[in-house]
N, C-alpha and C. Protein backbone atom coordinates (compact mmCIF):
# COMPACT_ATOMS: atom_id res chain seq x y z
N MET A 1 120.18 122.98 105.05
CA MET A 1 121.91 122.58 104.49
C MET A 1 122.77 123.32 105.77
N ALA A 2 123.81 122.15 105.85
CA ALA A 2 124.50 122.96 106.26
C ALA A 2 125.61 123.94 106.25
N LYS A 3 125.80 124.84 107.31
CA LYS A 3 126.81 126.02 106.87
C LYS A 3 127.82 125.56 106.73
N LEU A 4 128.84 125.67 105.76
CA LEU A 4 130.25 125.34 105.17
C LEU A 4 131.22 126.77 105.90
N ARG A 5 132.56 126.29 106.43
CA ARG A 5 133.00 127.72 107.15
C ARG A 5 133.66 127.76 105.79
N ALA A 6 134.70 129.05 106.08
CA ALA A 6 135.73 129.56 105.34
C ALA A 6 136.77 129.14 104.47
N ASN A 7 137.16 127.64 104.88
CA ASN A 7 138.24 127.61 105.30
C ASN A 7 137.65 126.20 104.03
N TYR A 8 136.52 125.97 103.71
CA TYR A 8 135.82 124.60 103.69
C TYR A 8 137.01 124.59 102.12
N ARG A 9 136.90 123.20 101.73
CA ARG A 9 137.27 122.66 100.05
C ARG A 9 136.86 121.30 99.80
N GLU A 10 136.70 121.37 98.55
CA GLU A 10 135.31 120.09 98.84
C GLU A 10 137.44 119.15 98.15
N PRO A 11 136.09 117.67 98.64
CA PRO A 11 137.44 116.35 99.43
C PRO A 11 138.05 116.19 97.62
N PHE A 12 138.91 115.79 98.09
CA PHE A 12 139.74 115.47 96.84
C PHE A 12 139.71 114.20 95.70
N ASP A 13 139.74 114.10 94.17
CA ASP A 13 139.32 113.69 93.33
C ASP A 13 140.29 113.90 92.63
N ARG A 14 140.95 112.25 92.36
CA ARG A 14 141.97 112.72 91.40
C ARG A 14 142.13 112.90 90.11
N GLU A 15 140.37 112.50 89.41
CA GLU A 15 139.70 112.33 88.39
C GLU A 15 139.54 114.18 87.65
N ARG A 16 139.54 115.48 88.79
CA ARG A 16 139.12 116.30 88.67
C ARG A 16 140.50 116.83 87.87
N ASP A 17 140.36 118.31 87.15
CA ASP A 17 141.52 118.73 87.00
C ASP A 17 142.09 120.03 88.11
N PHE A 18 143.62 119.97 87.85
CA PHE A 18 144.02 121.30 89.70
C PHE A 18 144.53 122.55 88.32
N VAL A 19 144.49 123.43 88.66
CA VAL A 19 145.75 124.18 88.23
C VAL A 19 146.78 124.46 89.72
N THR A 20 147.92 125.30 89.44
CA THR A 20 148.97 125.85 90.89
C THR A 20 148.38 127.15 91.01
N SER A 21 148.23 126.94 91.88
CA SER A 21 148.46 128.55 93.03
C SER A 21 149.62 129.40 92.80
N ARG A 22 150.34 128.30 92.95
CA ARG A 22 151.58 129.56 93.32
C ARG A 22 152.38 129.10 92.06
N SER A 23 154.07 129.41 91.31
CA SER A 23 154.95 128.74 91.16
C SER A 23 155.61 127.15 91.53
N LEU A 24 155.82 126.75 90.98
CA LEU A 24 155.61 125.12 91.27
C LEU A 24 156.80 124.15 90.41
N PRO A 25 157.48 124.12 90.36
CA PRO A 25 158.82 123.49 89.68
C PRO A 25 158.64 121.96 89.94
N VAL A 26 158.70 121.03 88.87
CA VAL A 26 157.82 119.78 88.92
C VAL A 26 158.64 118.86 87.71
N SER A 27 159.79 117.44 87.75
CA SER A 27 160.16 117.08 86.98
C SER A 27 160.81 118.27 85.84
N GLY A 28 161.02 119.01 86.27
CA GLY A 28 162.23 120.10 85.04
C GLY A 28 161.11 120.88 84.77
N ARG A 29 160.21 121.45 85.07
CA ARG A 29 158.71 122.03 84.76
C ARG A 29 158.59 123.12 85.10
N VAL A 30 159.14 124.61 85.44
CA VAL A 30 158.43 125.28 85.84
C VAL A 30 156.68 125.32 85.84
N PHE A 31 155.73 125.51 86.85
CA PHE A 31 154.35 125.48 86.54
C PHE A 31 154.14 127.21 87.36
N THR A 32 153.09 128.14 86.60
CA THR A 32 152.74 129.49 86.78
C THR A 32 151.32 129.17 87.51
N PRO A 33 151.74 130.10 88.36
CA PRO A 33 149.88 130.36 88.82
C PRO A 33 149.23 130.94 88.41
N GLY A 34 147.93 130.09 87.96
CA GLY A 34 147.17 129.48 87.51
C GLY A 34 146.75 129.17 86.46
N GLU A 35 148.46 128.02 85.87
CA GLU A 35 148.66 127.41 84.99
C GLU A 35 147.78 125.47 85.10
N ARG A 36 147.07 124.99 84.58
CA ARG A 36 146.98 123.84 84.54
C ARG A 36 147.64 122.44 84.71
N PHE A 37 148.47 122.11 85.68
CA PHE A 37 148.95 120.92 86.16
C PHE A 37 148.56 119.37 85.26
N ASP A 38 149.42 119.10 84.89
CA ASP A 38 149.60 118.14 84.46
C ASP A 38 150.25 116.72 85.56
N LYS A 39 148.53 116.11 85.60
CA LYS A 39 148.74 114.92 87.08
C LYS A 39 149.26 113.50 86.66
N THR A 40 149.63 113.47 85.60
CA THR A 40 151.32 111.98 84.91
C THR A 40 152.00 112.49 85.92
N LEU A 41 152.87 114.18 86.11
CA LEU A 41 153.99 114.00 86.77
C LEU A 41 154.81 113.45 87.79
N VAL A 42 153.45 113.40 88.99
CA VAL A 42 153.54 112.77 90.32
C VAL A 42 152.46 111.59 90.69
N THR A 43 152.95 110.89 91.57
CA THR A 43 151.58 109.60 91.46
C THR A 43 150.50 110.48 92.89
N ASP A 44 150.12 109.58 92.85
CA ASP A 44 148.50 109.64 93.29
C ASP A 44 148.85 110.77 95.10
N ARG A 45 149.98 109.76 95.85
CA ARG A 45 149.78 110.68 97.06
C ARG A 45 150.91 111.78 97.30
N ARG A 46 151.37 111.86 96.62
CA ARG A 46 152.26 113.02 95.97
C ARG A 46 150.72 114.06 95.80
N LEU A 47 149.83 113.96 95.00
CA LEU A 47 149.18 114.87 94.65
C LEU A 47 147.82 115.29 95.23
N ARG A 48 147.97 114.26 95.91
CA ARG A 48 147.14 115.07 97.72
C ARG A 48 147.66 115.43 98.56
N GLN A 49 148.41 115.13 98.44
CA GLN A 49 149.67 116.24 99.45
C GLN A 49 149.64 117.29 98.89
N MET A 50 149.60 117.74 97.49
CA MET A 50 150.34 118.93 96.80
C MET A 50 148.42 119.44 97.35
N TYR A 51 147.32 119.12 96.47
CA TYR A 51 146.42 119.66 97.06
C TYR A 51 145.99 120.43 98.48
N GLU A 52 146.51 119.06 99.22
CA GLU A 52 146.04 119.00 101.16
C GLU A 52 147.09 120.68 101.02
N GLN A 53 148.00 120.99 101.14
CA GLN A 53 148.78 122.25 101.18
C GLN A 53 148.52 123.39 100.47
N ARG A 54 147.36 123.37 99.53
CA ARG A 54 146.93 124.18 98.90
C ARG A 54 147.92 124.60 97.90
N ILE A 55 148.95 123.91 97.39
CA ILE A 55 149.94 124.10 96.31
C ILE A 55 148.63 124.01 95.28
N LEU A 56 147.57 122.87 94.93
CA LEU A 56 146.95 123.09 94.09
C LEU A 56 145.95 123.34 94.19
N ASN A 57 145.18 123.55 93.64
CA ASN A 57 143.40 123.53 93.51
C ASN A 57 142.18 123.67 92.30
N VAL A 58 141.15 122.44 92.79
CA VAL A 58 140.46 122.06 91.77
C VAL A 58 140.90 123.48 90.74
N GLU A 59 140.47 122.76 89.46
CA GLU A 59 140.56 124.08 87.90
C GLU A 59 139.05 124.56 88.52
N PRO A 60 138.69 125.81 88.37
CA PRO A 60 137.11 126.34 88.81
C PRO A 60 136.45 125.80 87.12
N LYS A 61 134.69 125.99 87.15
CA LYS A 61 133.85 124.89 86.59
C LYS A 61 134.03 126.42 84.92
N LYS A 62 134.08 126.01 83.96
CA LYS A 62 133.13 127.03 82.63
C LYS A 62 131.96 126.95 83.21
N LEU A 63 131.20 128.19 83.25
CA LEU A 63 130.08 128.40 83.03
C LEU A 63 129.26 128.53 81.82
N ASP A 64 128.35 128.32 81.49
CA ASP A 64 127.93 128.47 80.01
C ASP A 64 126.85 129.61 80.30
N ASP A 65 125.76 129.92 79.31
CA ASP A 65 125.03 131.02 78.73
C ASP A 65 124.45 130.89 79.72
N ALA A 66 123.58 129.77 80.40
CA ALA A 66 122.51 130.07 81.03
C ALA A 66 123.10 129.61 82.28
N GLU A 67 123.94 129.97 82.97
CA GLU A 67 124.68 129.81 84.45
C GLU A 67 125.84 131.14 84.41
N LYS A 68 125.95 132.09 83.16
CA LYS A 68 126.06 133.46 83.55
C LYS A 68 125.56 134.12 84.96
N SER A 69 126.51 135.11 85.12
CA SER A 69 125.57 136.41 86.37
C SER A 69 124.74 136.91 85.30
N THR A 70 123.19 137.00 85.68
CA THR A 70 122.60 137.71 85.26
C THR A 70 122.04 138.85 86.68
N SER A 71 123.14 139.55 87.21
CA SER A 71 122.66 140.73 87.59
C SER A 71 123.20 142.08 86.61
N LYS A 72 122.48 142.59 87.53
CA LYS A 72 122.59 144.43 86.76
C LYS A 72 123.90 144.60 85.64
N ARG A 73 125.14 144.34 87.29
CA ARG A 73 126.71 145.10 86.80
C ARG A 73 126.79 143.88 86.20
N ALA A 74 126.44 142.61 86.10
CA ALA A 74 127.49 141.64 84.71
C ALA A 74 126.72 141.99 83.44
N GLN A 75 125.47 142.41 82.99
CA GLN A 75 124.58 142.53 82.22
C GLN A 75 125.85 143.96 81.30
N ARG A 76 125.57 145.41 82.73
CA ARG A 76 126.43 146.32 82.04
C ARG A 76 128.62 145.96 81.54
N VAL A 77 129.50 145.30 81.96
CA VAL A 77 130.21 145.52 81.52
C VAL A 77 130.18 144.39 80.35
N ARG A 78 129.29 143.30 80.32
CA ARG A 78 129.69 142.51 79.19
C ARG A 78 129.50 143.56 78.27
N VAL A 79 127.75 144.75 78.45
CA VAL A 79 127.53 145.72 76.85
C VAL A 79 128.94 146.55 76.56
N GLN A 80 129.41 146.94 77.58
CA GLN A 80 130.40 147.80 77.28
C GLN A 80 131.64 147.08 76.93
N ARG A 81 131.84 145.65 77.08
CA ARG A 81 133.47 145.15 76.69
C ARG A 81 132.86 145.08 75.36
N LYS A 82 131.60 145.14 75.18
CA LYS A 82 130.68 144.88 73.21
C LYS A 82 131.13 146.08 72.45
N ARG A 83 130.78 147.05 73.19
CA ARG A 83 130.59 148.21 72.51
C ARG A 83 133.16 148.76 72.26
N ALA A 84 133.58 148.59 73.01
CA ALA A 84 134.73 148.37 73.33
C ALA A 84 135.59 147.86 71.99
N ALA A 85 135.49 146.27 71.98
CA ALA A 85 135.22 145.20 71.21
C ALA A 85 135.27 146.21 69.57
N SER A 86 134.10 147.02 69.65
CA SER A 86 132.68 147.25 67.67
C SER A 86 133.30 148.62 68.15
N ASN A 87 133.89 149.04 69.10
CA ASN A 87 134.83 150.71 68.44
C ASN A 87 136.46 149.99 68.24
N ARG A 88 136.86 149.20 68.32
CA ARG A 88 138.12 148.67 68.27
C ARG A 88 138.11 148.16 66.28
N THR A 89 137.06 147.72 66.40
CA THR A 89 137.24 146.99 65.01
C THR A 89 137.31 148.52 63.56
N LYS A 90 135.97 149.59 64.27
CA LYS A 90 135.55 150.60 63.37
C LYS A 90 136.95 150.93 63.34
N LEU A 91 137.59 150.76 64.23
CA LEU A 91 138.92 152.16 63.54
C LEU A 91 140.23 151.03 63.37
N ASP A 92 140.09 149.96 63.58
CA ASP A 92 140.77 149.01 62.31
C ASP A 92 140.47 149.32 61.05
N ARG A 93 139.49 149.65 60.70
CA ARG A 93 138.84 149.37 59.48
C ARG A 93 138.71 150.95 59.00
N GLU A 94 139.08 152.39 60.07
CA GLU A 94 139.72 153.74 59.16
C GLU A 94 140.80 153.18 59.28
N LEU A 95 141.63 152.71 59.56
CA LEU A 95 143.47 153.55 59.39
C LEU A 95 143.37 152.15 58.10
N ALA A 96 143.06 150.91 57.57
CA ALA A 96 143.51 150.21 56.73
C ALA A 96 143.03 150.99 55.00
């Protein structure tokens, strides 16, 4: 397998969903960093330019349970979050 450069980006594909990497005013609307970008507001050419200029990034894929990290640290974090959530609900019940 070929070694990828550190600055490698996936080839442009208009069908993918994009998110903004910085504040971006387009057609009277301001997109905040990380917000999903509406591709219908710009032409294909402008969309490609914004992607190549790193103004837009490809939206990260959502991982299903099988693809989630199975490292011990990731498991510990999930357990801690579950415990914290259950403690909050117990506290809410006591206060009610």
